[in-house]
C-alpha atoms as a PDB file:
ATOM      1  CA  MET A   1     -15.213  -5.409 -11.721  1.00  0.00           C
ATOM      2  CA  SER A   2     -15.330  -1.648 -12.081  1.00  0.00           C
ATOM      3  CA  ARG A   3     -13.183  -2.182 -15.440  1.00  0.00           C
ATOM      4  CA  ARG A   4     -12.931  -5.393 -17.619  1.00  0.00           C
ATOM      5  CA  HIS A   5      -9.811  -6.916 -19.216  1.00  0.00           C
ATOM      6  CA  GLU A   6     -10.829  -6.854 -22.985  1.00  0.00           C
ATOM      7  CA  PRO A   7     -12.640 -10.229 -24.828  1.00  0.00           C
ATOM      8  CA  VAL A   8      -9.220 -10.614 -26.709  1.00  0.00           C
ATOM      9  CA  ALA A   9      -6.092  -9.483 -23.749  1.00  0.00           C
ATOM     10  CA  SER A  10      -8.445 -12.582 -22.170  1.00  0.00           C
ATOM     11  CA  ALA A  11      -8.441 -15.024 -24.067  1.00  0.00           C
ATOM     12  CA  ARG A  12      -4.479 -14.775 -25.431  1.00  0.00           C
ATOM     13  CA  VAL A  13      -3.599 -15.174 -20.804  1.00  0.00           C
ATOM     14  CA  SER A  14      -6.140 -17.878 -20.711  1.00  0.00           C
ATOM     15  CA  ARG A  15     -10.396 -19.296 -20.629  1.00  0.00           C
ATOM     16  CA  TYR A  16     -10.200 -18.855 -17.056  1.00  0.00           C
ATOM     17  CA  PHE A  17      -8.857 -15.427 -16.619  1.00  0.00           C
ATOM     18  CA  GLU A  18     -11.952 -13.190 -15.729  1.00  0.00           C
ATOM     19  CA  ALA A  19     -12.613 -16.369 -13.907  1.00  0.00           C
ATOM     20  CA  PHE A  20     -10.030 -16.377 -11.429  1.00  0.00           C
ATOM     21  CA  LEU A  21      -9.943 -12.451 -11.676  1.00  0.00           C
ATOM     22  CA  GLU A  22     -13.479 -12.278 -10.759  1.00  0.00           C
ATOM     23  CA  LEU A  23     -13.327 -14.430  -7.677  1.00  0.00           C
ATOM     24  CA  LEU A  24     -10.442 -12.345  -6.234  1.00  0.00           C
ATOM     25  CA  LEU A  25     -12.614  -9.513  -6.234  1.00  0.00           C
ATOM     26  CA  ALA A  26     -15.735 -11.351  -5.380  1.00  0.00           C
ATOM     27  CA  GLU A  27     -14.834 -13.669  -2.666  1.00  0.00           C
ATOM     28  CA  ARG A  28     -11.021 -12.759  -1.929  1.00  0.00           C
ATOM     29  CA  GLY A  29     -12.205  -8.969  -1.124  1.00  0.00           C
ATOM     30  CA  ALA A  30      -8.957  -7.804  -3.134  1.00  0.00           C
ATOM     31  CA  SER A  31      -9.370  -3.689  -4.476  1.00  0.00           C
ATOM     32  CA  ALA A  32     -10.015  -3.364  -8.120  1.00  0.00           C
ATOM     33  CA  ASN A  33      -6.115  -1.724  -8.411  1.00  0.00           C
ATOM     34  CA  THR A  34      -5.136  -5.417  -6.415  1.00  0.00           C
ATOM     35  CA  VAL A  35      -6.610  -7.146  -9.246  1.00  0.00           C
ATOM     36  CA  ALA A  36      -5.576  -5.191 -12.028  1.00  0.00           C
ATOM     37  CA  ALA A  37      -1.867  -6.479 -10.477  1.00  0.00           C
ATOM     38  CA  TYR A  38      -3.065  -9.567 -10.989  1.00  0.00           C
ATOM     39  CA  GLY A  39      -3.920  -8.958 -14.604  1.00  0.00           C
ATOM     40  CA  ARG A  40      -0.948  -7.760 -15.497  1.00  0.00           C
ATOM     41  CA  ASP A  41       1.122 -10.263 -14.351  1.00  0.00           C
ATOM     42  CA  LEU A  42      -0.642 -12.889 -15.599  1.00  0.00           C
ATOM     43  CA  GLU A  43      -0.505 -10.958 -18.815  1.00  0.00           C
ATOM     44  CA  ASP A  44       3.135 -10.402 -18.586  1.00  0.00           C
ATOM     45  CA  ALA A  45       3.487 -14.456 -17.670  1.00  0.00           C
ATOM     46  CA  ALA A  46       1.090 -15.090 -20.925  1.00  0.00           C
ATOM     47  CA  ARG A  47       3.189 -12.812 -23.545  1.00  0.00           C
ATOM     48  CA  PHE A  48       6.625 -15.186 -22.452  1.00  0.00           C
ATOM     49  CA  LEU A  49       4.727 -18.186 -22.729  1.00  0.00           C
ATOM     50  CA  SER A  50       3.610 -17.586 -26.553  1.00  0.00           C
ATOM     51  CA  ALA A  51       6.622 -15.895 -27.919  1.00  0.00           C
ATOM     52  CA  ALA A  52       7.028 -18.381 -29.801  1.00  0.00           C
ATOM     53  CA  ASP A  53       3.832 -19.855 -30.625  1.00  0.00           C
ATOM     54  CA  THR A  54       1.222 -18.650 -32.675  1.00  0.00           C
ATOM     55  CA  GLU A  55      -1.934 -20.269 -31.238  1.00  0.00           C
ATOM     56  CA  LEU A  56      -2.276 -17.586 -28.064  1.00  0.00           C
ATOM     57  CA  THR A  57      -4.993 -19.218 -26.557  1.00  0.00           C
ATOM     58  CA  GLY A  58      -4.503 -21.949 -23.057  1.00  0.00           C
ATOM     59  CA  VAL A  59      -0.911 -21.577 -23.083  1.00  0.00           C
ATOM     60  CA  LEU A  60      -0.792 -19.601 -19.879  1.00  0.00           C
ATOM     61  CA  ASP A  61      -2.991 -22.850 -19.281  1.00  0.00           C
ATOM     62  CA  SER A  62      -1.167 -25.873 -20.180  1.00  0.00           C
ATOM     63  CA  ALA A  63       2.218 -23.810 -18.926  1.00  0.00           C
ATOM     64  CA  SER A  64       4.844 -27.011 -16.852  1.00  0.00           C
ATOM     65  CA  LYS A  65       6.862 -26.031 -14.027  1.00  0.00           C
ATOM     66  CA  ASP A  66       9.578 -25.616 -16.829  1.00  0.00           C
ATOM     67  CA  ASP A  67       8.528 -22.626 -18.770  1.00  0.00           C
ATOM     68  CA  LEU A  68       7.120 -21.016 -15.349  1.00  0.00           C
ATOM     69  CA  ARG A  69      11.108 -21.750 -14.691  1.00  0.00           C
ATOM     70  CA  ALA A  70      12.121 -20.267 -17.730  1.00  0.00           C
ATOM     71  CA  TYR A  71      10.406 -17.681 -17.476  1.00  0.00           C
ATOM     72  CA  LEU A  72      11.244 -16.429 -13.795  1.00  0.00           C
ATOM     73  CA  GLU A  73      15.275 -16.776 -15.519  1.00  0.00           C
ATOM     74  CA  HIS A  74      13.988 -14.578 -18.681  1.00  0.00           C
ATOM     75  CA  LEU A  75      12.485 -12.505 -15.515  1.00  0.00           C
ATOM     76  CA  GLU A  76      15.639 -12.501 -13.826  1.00  0.00           C
ATOM     77  CA  VAL A  77      17.454 -11.031 -17.529  1.00  0.00           C
ATOM     78  CA  ARG A  78      15.052  -8.772 -17.950  1.00  0.00           C
ATOM     79  CA  GLY A  79      17.387  -7.033 -14.735  1.00  0.00           C
ATOM     80  CA  MET A  80      13.500  -7.236 -13.031  1.00  0.00           C
ATOM     81  CA  SER A  81      13.758  -6.849  -8.962  1.00  0.00           C
ATOM     82  CA  ALA A  82      13.421 -10.196  -6.356  1.00  0.00           C
ATOM     83  CA  ARG A  83      10.251  -8.389  -4.750  1.00  0.00           C
ATOM     84  CA  THR A  84       8.707  -8.048  -7.719  1.00  0.00           C
ATOM     85  CA  ALA A  85       9.561 -11.302  -9.344  1.00  0.00           C
ATOM     86  CA  ALA A  86       8.274 -13.046  -6.287  1.00  0.00           C
ATOM     87  CA  ARG A  87       5.046 -10.488  -6.562  1.00  0.00           C
ATOM     88  CA  ARG A  88       4.828 -12.695 -10.480  1.00  0.00           C
ATOM     89  CA  LEU A  89       4.946 -15.889  -8.783  1.00  0.00           C
ATOM     90  CA  SER A  90       3.135 -15.513  -5.976  1.00  0.00           C
ATOM     91  CA  THR A  91      -0.350 -14.501  -8.265  1.00  0.00           C
ATOM     92  CA  LEU A  92       0.713 -16.955 -10.705  1.00  0.00           C
ATOM     93  CA  ARG A  93       0.487 -20.297  -7.660  1.00  0.00           C
ATOM     94  CA  GLN A  94      -2.513 -18.350  -6.691  1.00  0.00           C
ATOM     95  CA  PHE A  95      -3.956 -18.754 -10.886  1.00  0.00           C
ATOM     96  CA  TYR A  96      -2.665 -22.433 -10.412  1.00  0.00           C
ATOM     97  CA  ARG A  97      -4.794 -22.791  -7.546  1.00  0.00           C
ATOM     98  CA  PHE A  98      -7.202 -21.440  -8.160  1.00  0.00           C
ATOM     99  CA  LEU A  99      -7.105 -23.895 -11.449  1.00  0.00           C
ATOM    100  CA  TYR A 100      -6.324 -27.533  -9.457  1.00  0.00           C
ATOM    101  CA  ALA A 101      -8.855 -26.954  -6.764  1.00  0.00           C
ATOM    102  CA  ASP A 102     -12.010 -26.188  -9.605  1.00  0.00           C
ATOM    103  CA  GLY A 103     -10.554 -29.474 -11.904  1.00  0.00           C
ATOM    104  CA  LEU A 104      -9.778 -27.524 -15.325  1.00  0.00           C
ATOM    105  CA  ARG A 105      -6.009 -28.742 -14.256  1.00  0.00           C
ATOM    106  CA  SER A 106      -4.599 -31.996 -13.068  1.00  0.00           C
ATOM    107  CA  ASP A 107      -1.378 -30.390 -11.225  1.00  0.00           C
ATOM    108  CA  ASP A 108       0.037 -27.395  -9.615  1.00  0.00           C
ATOM    109  CA  PRO A 109       3.220 -26.346 -12.089  1.00  0.00           C
ATOM    110  CA  THR A 110       4.670 -23.377  -9.226  1.00  0.00           C
ATOM    111  CA  ALA A 111       4.074 -25.991  -5.873  1.00  0.00           C
ATOM    112  CA  ILE A 112       7.949 -26.825  -6.944  1.00  0.00           C
ATOM    113  CA  LEU A 113       9.053 -23.677  -8.186  1.00  0.00           C
ATOM    114  CA  GLU A 114      11.376 -21.787  -5.036  1.00  0.00           C
ATOM    115  CA  SER A 115      10.878 -17.871  -4.925  1.00  0.00           C
ATOM    116  CA  PRO A 116      14.217 -15.532  -5.492  1.00  0.00           C
ATOM    117  CA  ARG A 117      15.964 -14.601  -3.229  1.00  0.00           C
ATOM    118  CA  GLN A 118      15.341 -11.255  -1.965  1.00  0.00           C
ATOM    119  CA  GLY A 119      16.658  -9.150   1.159  1.00  0.00           C
ATOM    120  CA  ARG A 120      14.754  -7.437   3.728  1.00  0.00           C
ATOM    121  CA  THR A 121      13.755  -4.478   2.782  1.00  0.00           C
ATOM    122  CA  LEU A 122      13.831  -1.775   5.487  1.00  0.00           C
ATOM    123  CA  PRO A 123      10.699   0.537   5.679  1.00  0.00           C
ATOM    124  CA  LYS A 124      11.442   4.283   4.277  1.00  0.00           C
ATOM    125  CA  ILE A 125      10.808   6.392   7.369  1.00  0.00           C
ATOM    126  CA  LEU A 126      10.904  10.240   8.602  1.00  0.00           C
ATOM    127  CA  SER A 127      12.183  10.773  11.961  1.00  0.00           C
ATOM    128  CA  GLU A 128       9.545  12.736  14.419  1.00  0.00           C
ATOM    129  CA  GLU A 129      11.393  16.344  13.828  1.00  0.00           C
ATOM    130  CA  ASP A 130      10.377  15.405  10.042  1.00  0.00           C
ATOM    131  CA  VAL A 131       6.942  14.856  10.628  1.00  0.00           C
ATOM    132  CA  GLY A 132       6.893  17.772  13.199  1.00  0.00           C
ATOM    133  CA  ALA A 133       8.396  19.691  10.432  1.00  0.00           C
ATOM    134  CA  LEU A 134       5.854  18.931   8.011  1.00  0.00           C
ATOM    135  CA  LEU A 135       2.693  19.280  10.416  1.00  0.00           C
ATOM    136  CA  ASP A 136       4.483  22.774  11.047  1.00  0.00           C
ATOM    137  CA  ALA A 137       4.339  23.765   7.157  1.00  0.00           C
ATOM    138  CA  ALA A 138       0.838  22.127   7.110  1.00  0.00           C
ATOM    139  CA  ALA A 139      -0.213  24.923  10.336  1.00  0.00           C
ATOM    140  CA  ARG A 140       1.393  28.172   8.051  1.00  0.00           C
ATOM    141  CA  ARG A 141      -0.955  27.511   5.029  1.00  0.00           C
ATOM    142  CA  GLU A 142      -3.587  29.271   5.238  1.00  0.00           C
ATOM    143  CA  GLY A 143      -7.439  29.153   3.961  1.00  0.00           C
ATOM    144  CA  PRO A 144      -9.784  25.904   2.956  1.00  0.00           C
ATOM    145  CA  GLU A 145      -6.701  24.124   1.441  1.00  0.00           C
ATOM    146  CA  GLY A 146      -4.198  24.868   4.317  1.00  0.00           C
ATOM    147  CA  LYS A 147      -7.198  23.462   6.713  1.00  0.00           C
ATOM    148  CA  ARG A 148      -7.669  20.579   4.119  1.00  0.00           C
ATOM    149  CA  ILE A 149      -3.841  19.193   4.084  1.00  0.00           C
ATOM    150  CA  TYR A 150      -3.413  19.885   7.969  1.00  0.00           C
ATOM    151  CA  ALA A 151      -6.368  17.009   8.262  1.00  0.00           C
ATOM    152  CA  LEU A 152      -4.608  14.721   5.421  1.00  0.00           C
ATOM    153  CA  VAL A 153      -1.678  14.935   7.560  1.00  0.00           C
ATOM    154  CA  GLU A 154      -2.454  14.936  11.205  1.00  0.00           C
ATOM    155  CA  LEU A 155      -4.624  11.589  10.524  1.00  0.00           C
ATOM    156  CA  CYS A 156      -2.223   9.867   8.308  1.00  0.00           C
ATOM    157  CA  TYR A 157       0.769   9.961  11.080  1.00  0.00           C
ATOM    158  CA  ALA A 158      -2.081   9.945  13.783  1.00  0.00           C
ATOM    159  CA  THR A 159      -4.078   6.045  12.190  1.00  0.00           C
ATOM    160  CA  GLY A 160      -1.066   5.006  10.182  1.00  0.00           C
ATOM    161  CA  MET A 161      -4.292   4.345   7.478  1.00  0.00           C
ATOM    162  CA  ARG A 162      -3.209   3.438   4.109  1.00  0.00           C
ATOM    163  CA  VAL A 163      -3.352   6.418   1.237  1.00  0.00           C
ATOM    164  CA  SER A 164      -6.969   4.598  -0.622  1.00  0.00           C
ATOM    165  CA  GLU A 165      -8.574   3.927   3.400  1.00  0.00           C
ATOM    166  CA  MET A 166      -7.746   8.041   4.554  1.00  0.00           C
ATOM    167  CA  VAL A 167      -8.534   9.613   0.898  1.00  0.00           C
ATOM    168  CA  GLY A 168     -11.998   6.922   0.577  1.00  0.00           C
ATOM    169  CA  LEU A 169     -12.947   8.088   4.389  1.00  0.00           C
ATOM    170  CA  PRO A 170     -16.375   8.576   4.516  1.00  0.00           C
ATOM    171  CA  LEU A 171     -18.128  12.019   6.370  1.00  0.00           C
ATOM    172  CA  THR A 172     -20.195  10.490   8.791  1.00  0.00           C
ATOM    173  CA  ALA A 173     -17.216   7.967   9.559  1.00  0.00           C
ATOM    174  CA  VAL A 174     -16.568  11.844  11.504  1.00  0.00           C
ATOM    175  CA  GLN A 175     -19.337  14.041  11.935  1.00  0.00           C
ATOM    176  CA  ARG A 176     -19.375  13.334  16.002  1.00  0.00           C
ATOM    177  CA  ASP A 177     -15.788  13.894  16.532  1.00  0.00           C
ATOM    178  CA  PRO A 178     -15.126  10.645  17.774  1.00  0.00           C
ATOM    179  CA  GLN A 179     -12.564   9.283  19.911  1.00  0.00           C
ATOM    180  CA  VAL A 180     -12.205   6.336  18.354  1.00  0.00           C
ATOM    181  CA  LEU A 181     -12.628   5.796  13.830  1.00  0.00           C
ATOM    182  CA  ILE A 182     -13.519   2.389  12.317  1.00  0.00           C
ATOM    183  CA  VAL A 183     -11.210   2.489   9.029  1.00  0.00           C
ATOM    184  CA  ARG A 184     -13.104  -0.426   6.165  1.00  0.00           C
ATOM    185  CA  GLY A 185      -9.428  -2.160   4.875  1.00  0.00           C
ATOM    186  CA  LYS A 186      -7.658  -4.856   3.027  1.00  0.00           C
ATOM    187  CA  GLY A 187     -10.712  -7.766   3.025  1.00  0.00           C
ATOM    188  CA  ASP A 188     -13.791  -5.215   3.429  1.00  0.00           C
ATOM    189  CA  LYS A 189     -12.434  -5.560   7.131  1.00  0.00           C
ATOM    190  CA  GLU A 190     -13.239  -3.505   9.743  1.00  0.00           C
ATOM    191  CA  ARG A 191     -10.643  -1.855  12.078  1.00  0.00           C
ATOM    192  CA  MET A 192     -10.772   0.415  14.978  1.00  0.00           C
ATOM    193  CA  VAL A 193      -8.535   3.662  15.305  1.00  0.00           C
ATOM    194  CA  PRO A 194      -7.828   5.641  18.239  1.00  0.00           C
ATOM    195  CA  LEU A 195      -8.101   9.926  17.328  1.00  0.00           C
ATOM    196  CA  SER A 196      -5.421  11.901  19.279  1.00  0.00           C
ATOM    197  CA  ALA A 197      -6.551  15.225  20.048  1.00  0.00           C
ATOM    198  CA  PRO A 198      -4.797  17.365  17.919  1.00  0.00           C
ATOM    199  CA  ALA A 199      -6.500  15.113  15.145  1.00  0.00           C
ATOM    200  CA  ARG A 200      -9.770  15.071  15.994  1.00  0.00           C
ATOM    201  CA  ALA A 201      -8.833  19.699  16.422  1.00  0.00           C
ATOM    202  CA  ALA A 202      -8.124  19.376  12.621  1.00  0.00           C
ATOM    203  CA  VAL A 203     -10.032  17.700  11.524  1.00  0.00           C
ATOM    204  CA  ARG A 204     -13.206  19.888  12.974  1.00  0.00           C
ATOM    205  CA  ALA A 205     -12.041  23.101  11.549  1.00  0.00           C
ATOM    206  CA  TYR A 206     -11.657  21.295   8.518  1.00  0.00           C
ATOM    207  CA  LEU A 207     -15.051  20.661   8.531  1.00  0.00           C
ATOM    208  CA  GLU A 208     -16.111  24.186   8.751  1.00  0.00           C
ATOM    209  CA  VAL A 209     -14.441  24.820   5.244  1.00  0.00           C
ATOM    210  CA  ARG A 210     -15.108  20.834   3.768  1.00  0.00           C
ATOM    211  CA  ASP A 211     -18.147  22.638   2.041  1.00  0.00           C
ATOM    212  CA  VAL A 212     -15.856  25.084  -0.068  1.00  0.00           C
ATOM    213  CA  PHE A 213     -14.357  21.864  -2.223  1.00  0.00           C
ATOM    214  CA  VAL A 214     -18.096  20.900  -3.212  1.00  0.00           C
ATOM    215  CA  PRO A 215     -19.648  22.265  -5.797  1.00  0.00           C
ATOM    216  CA  GLU A 216     -22.484  24.267  -5.119  1.00  0.00           C
ATOM    217  CA  GLY A 217     -26.146  22.347  -4.334  1.00  0.00           C
ATOM    218  CA  ALA A 218     -24.282  19.550  -4.763  1.00  0.00           C
ATOM    219  CA  THR A 219     -23.732  15.896  -2.148  1.00  0.00           C
ATOM    220  CA  ASN A 220     -20.632  14.145  -1.668  1.00  0.00           C
ATOM    221  CA  PRO A 221     -20.520  11.740   0.902  1.00  0.00           C
ATOM    222  CA  TYR A 222     -16.601  11.679   1.302  1.00  0.00           C
ATOM    223  CA  LEU A 223     -14.764  13.416   3.944  1.00  0.00           C
ATOM    224  CA  PHE A 224     -11.893  14.510   1.802  1.00  0.00           C
ATOM    225  CA  ALA A 225     -13.729  15.814  -1.550  1.00  0.00           C
ATOM    226  CA  GLY A 226     -13.348  15.363  -4.786  1.00  0.00           C
ATOM    227  CA  ARG A 227     -14.910  16.447  -7.719  1.00  0.00           C
ATOM    228  CA  ASN A 228     -17.711  14.427  -9.343  1.00  0.00           C
ATOM    229  CA  GLY A 229     -19.098  13.264  -5.884  1.00  0.00           C
ATOM    230  CA  ARG A 230     -16.328  11.820  -5.695  1.00  0.00           C
ATOM    231  CA  HIS A 231     -13.330  11.679  -3.048  1.00  0.00           C
ATOM    232  CA  LEU A 232      -9.932  12.842  -2.997  1.00  0.00           C
ATOM    233  CA  THR A 233      -7.403  11.224  -5.112  1.00  0.00           C
ATOM    234  CA  ARG A 234      -4.511   8.958  -3.862  1.00  0.00           C
ATOM    235  CA  GLN A 235      -2.931  11.169  -6.481  1.00  0.00           C
ATOM    236  CA  ARG A 236      -3.816  14.015  -5.480  1.00  0.00           C
ATOM    237  CA  PHE A 237      -2.638  13.483  -2.034  1.00  0.00           C
ATOM    238  CA  PHE A 238       0.691  13.155  -3.033  1.00  0.00           C
ATOM    239  CA  GLN A 239       0.919  16.117  -4.899  1.00  0.00           C
ATOM    240  CA  LEU A 240       0.145  17.838  -1.830  1.00  0.00           C
ATOM    241  CA  LEU A 241       2.458  16.293  -0.017  1.00  0.00           C
ATOM    242  CA  LYS A 242       5.895  16.206  -2.346  1.00  0.00           C
ATOM    243  CA  ASP A 243       5.105  20.344  -2.018  1.00  0.00           C
ATOM    244  CA  LEU A 244       4.782  19.874   1.104  1.00  0.00           C
ATOM    245  CA  ALA A 245       7.733  18.201   2.191  1.00  0.00           C
ATOM    246  CA  ALA A 246       9.487  21.481   0.469  1.00  0.00           C
ATOM    247  CA  ALA A 247       7.745  23.595   2.255  1.00  0.00           C
ATOM    248  CA  ALA A 248       8.840  21.709   5.259  1.00  0.00           C
ATOM    249  CA  ALA A 249      12.740  21.644   4.071  1.00  0.00           C
ATOM    250  CA  LEU A 250      12.066  17.570   3.412  1.00  0.00           C
ATOM    251  CA  ASP A 251      13.252  15.683   0.740  1.00  0.00           C
ATOM    252  CA  PRO A 252       9.839  15.503  -0.945  1.00  0.00           C
ATOM    253  CA  ARG A 253      11.292  11.793  -2.205  1.00  0.00           C
ATOM    254  CA  LYS A 254      11.296  10.706   1.025  1.00  0.00           C
ATOM    255  CA  VAL A 255       7.985  11.459   1.681  1.00  0.00           C
ATOM    256  CA  SER A 256       4.758   9.970   0.911  1.00  0.00           C
ATOM    257  CA  PRO A 257       1.235   9.200   2.130  1.00  0.00           C
ATOM    258  CA  HIS A 258       2.739   5.611   3.099  1.00  0.00           C
ATOM    259  CA  VAL A 259       6.261   6.600   4.492  1.00  0.00           C
ATOM    260  CA  LEU A 260       3.469   8.769   7.273  1.00  0.00           C
ATOM    261  CA  ARG A 261       2.255   5.147   7.976  1.00  0.00           C
ATOM    262  CA  HIS A 262       5.633   4.079   8.336  1.00  0.00           C
ATOM    263  CA  ALA A 263       6.567   6.443  10.750  1.00  0.00           C
ATOM    264  CA  PHE A 264       3.067   5.399  12.797  1.00  0.00           C
ATOM    265  CA  ALA A 265       4.317   2.832  13.372  1.00  0.00           C
ATOM    266  CA  THR A 266       7.998   3.236  14.114  1.00  0.00           C
ATOM    267  CA  HIS A 267       6.993   6.051  17.142  1.00  0.00           C
ATOM    268  CA  LEU A 268       4.758   3.801  18.383  1.00  0.00           C
ATOM    269  CA  LEU A 269       7.371   0.775  18.664  1.00  0.00           C
ATOM    270  CA  HIS A 270       9.731   3.335  20.181  1.00  0.00           C
ATOM    271  CA  HIS A 271       7.591   5.198  22.466  1.00  0.00           C
ATOM    272  CA  ASP A 272       7.487   1.721  23.763  1.00  0.00           C
ATOM    273  CA  ALA A 273       3.833   0.421  22.151  1.00  0.00           C
ATOM    274  CA  ASP A 274       2.753  -3.142  22.193  1.00  0.00           C
ATOM    275  CA  LEU A 275       3.679  -4.249  18.778  1.00  0.00           C
ATOM    276  CA  ARG A 276       0.002  -6.932  18.600  1.00  0.00           C
ATOM    277  CA  SER A 277      -1.960  -3.549  19.456  1.00  0.00           C
ATOM    278  CA  VAL A 278      -0.349  -1.617  16.640  1.00  0.00           C
ATOM    279  CA  GLN A 279      -0.629  -4.522  14.380  1.00  0.00           C
ATOM    280  CA  LYS A 280      -4.426  -3.962  14.904  1.00  0.00           C
ATOM    281  CA  MET A 281      -4.315  -0.661  14.275  1.00  0.00           C
ATOM    282  CA  LEU A 282      -1.990  -0.993  11.269  1.00  0.00           C
ATOM    283  CA  GLY A 283      -4.926  -3.995   9.785  1.00  0.00           C
ATOM    284  CA  HIS A 284      -2.159  -6.221   9.000  1.00  0.00           C
ATOM    285  CA  ALA A 285      -3.153  -9.456   8.931  1.00  0.00           C
ATOM    286  CA  ASP A 286      -0.034 -11.354  10.204  1.00  0.00           C
ATOM    287  CA  ILE A 287       2.486 -10.190  12.910  1.00  0.00           C
ATOM    288  CA  SER A 288       5.622 -10.529  10.952  1.00  0.00           C
ATOM    289  CA  THR A 289       4.513  -7.896   8.486  1.00  0.00           C
ATOM    290  CA  THR A 290       4.491  -5.563  12.061  1.00  0.00           C
ATOM    291  CA  GLN A 291       7.551  -6.927  13.085  1.00  0.00           C
ATOM    292  CA  ILE A 292       9.322  -5.151  10.234  1.00  0.00           C
ATOM    293  CA  TYR A 293       9.624  -2.414  12.283  1.00  0.00           C
ATOM    294  CA  THR A 294      11.104  -3.490  15.464  1.00  0.00           C
ATOM    295  CA  HIS A 295      14.196  -3.847  12.956  1.00  0.00           C
ATOM    296  CA  VAL A 296      14.037  -0.681  11.325  1.00  0.00           C
ATOM    297  CA  LEU A 297      14.260   0.417  15.348  1.00  0.00           C
ATOM    298  CA  ASP A 298      17.010  -1.760  15.443  1.00  0.00           C
ATOM    299  CA  GLU A 299      18.679  -0.562  12.327  1.00  0.00           C
ATOM    300  CA  ARG A 300      18.503   2.817  13.946  1.00  0.00           C
ATOM    301  CA  MET A 301      19.960   2.453  17.475  1.00  0.00           C
ATOM    302  CA  ARG A 302      22.519   0.701  15.373  1.00  0.00           C
ATOM    303  CA  ARG A 303      23.486   3.305  12.983  1.00  0.00           C
ATOM    304  CA  LEU A 304      23.128   6.087  16.101  1.00  0.00           C
ATOM    305  CA  VAL A 305      25.711   4.021  17.702  1.00  0.00           C
ATOM    306  CA  ALA A 306      27.852   3.964  15.323  1.00  0.00           C
ATOM    307  CA  GLU A 307      27.369   7.506  14.575  1.00  0.00           C
ATOM    308  CA  HIS A 308      27.339   9.146  17.902  1.00  0.00           C
ATOM    309  CA  HIS A 309      29.169   6.970  21.001  1.00  0.00           C
ATOM    310  CA  PRO A 310      32.552   8.329  21.808  1.00  0.00           C
ATOM    311  CA  LEU A 311      34.119   5.404  21.610  1.00  0.00           C
ATOM    312  CA  ALA A 312      32.242   3.600  17.857  1.00  0.00           C
ATOM    313  CA  SER A 313      35.748   5.524  16.165  1.00  0.00           C
ATOM    314  CA  ARG A 314      37.992   4.221  18.011  1.00  0.00           C
ATOM    315  CA  PRO A 315      41.254   1.900  16.309  1.00  0.00           C
ATOM    316  CA  ASN A 316      39.621  -2.101  16.937  1.00  0.00           C
ATOM    317  CA  ASP A 317      42.970  -3.409  19.216  1.00  0.00           C
ATOM    318  CA  ASN A 318      42.531  -6.886  18.690  1.00  0.00           C
END
């Protein structure tokens, strides 16, 4: 891992804390951010289980199903959303499966625990008009900064890349003006995404000024160069996009790189794209993840009928 947890924190969580996180990173291809999130989940559970115990080491290792059920009830009392609590339980499931598979425990205490019930949250999306307004606002920006944000928005909307994939693109990925972009995603898996003509043109225009963002005499392997040989940070991209949303008269709270990813998928399906093709371009391992965008379209259609159909406001005579 790029940043290991301190030994004291590790001991308080589990004797096998580091081994589990190393497994996620090395064998399952999890990102550093994902590994850090798993670590925080385990630390939170360990804090609860050890609250009434002076001996902190190994508490999580020997937790029973009743202990873990009490932890889940504690999360509900704290007002934690069902979605977040379900993610915490998922982390615990993977941790105890690891202990069981390696013979470090004789049972899996999470095997019969039920996940917190959660409603299906539909992703936020932008309309095609909203995306057009964003692109228009970016096109009005002058100089290298303007060409960079225009390329960022065009690429994000044209490919549906995750923000980490976007900012981490190597310069070599676009140097020959490709019609197809090779994206390295979760689990270090590669996928191919077609590049639209506008996205290619935006990238070409940005490449003409890219050196402005690289200190003289320095080298930087990333398309969207940042400081000290690194890439543009995700946080900086978020900030640039929020500023652009305000300039486009859109609510900045509703605009993010991930919302552009949602717009990419939803707009493709709206124009009759094949669900399997969208799944591959998004890099979803399971098509059920992609299917949520069909629910977005269904909900949008229902809302359009309710708001605009001439008979929608008539009283029901039945």
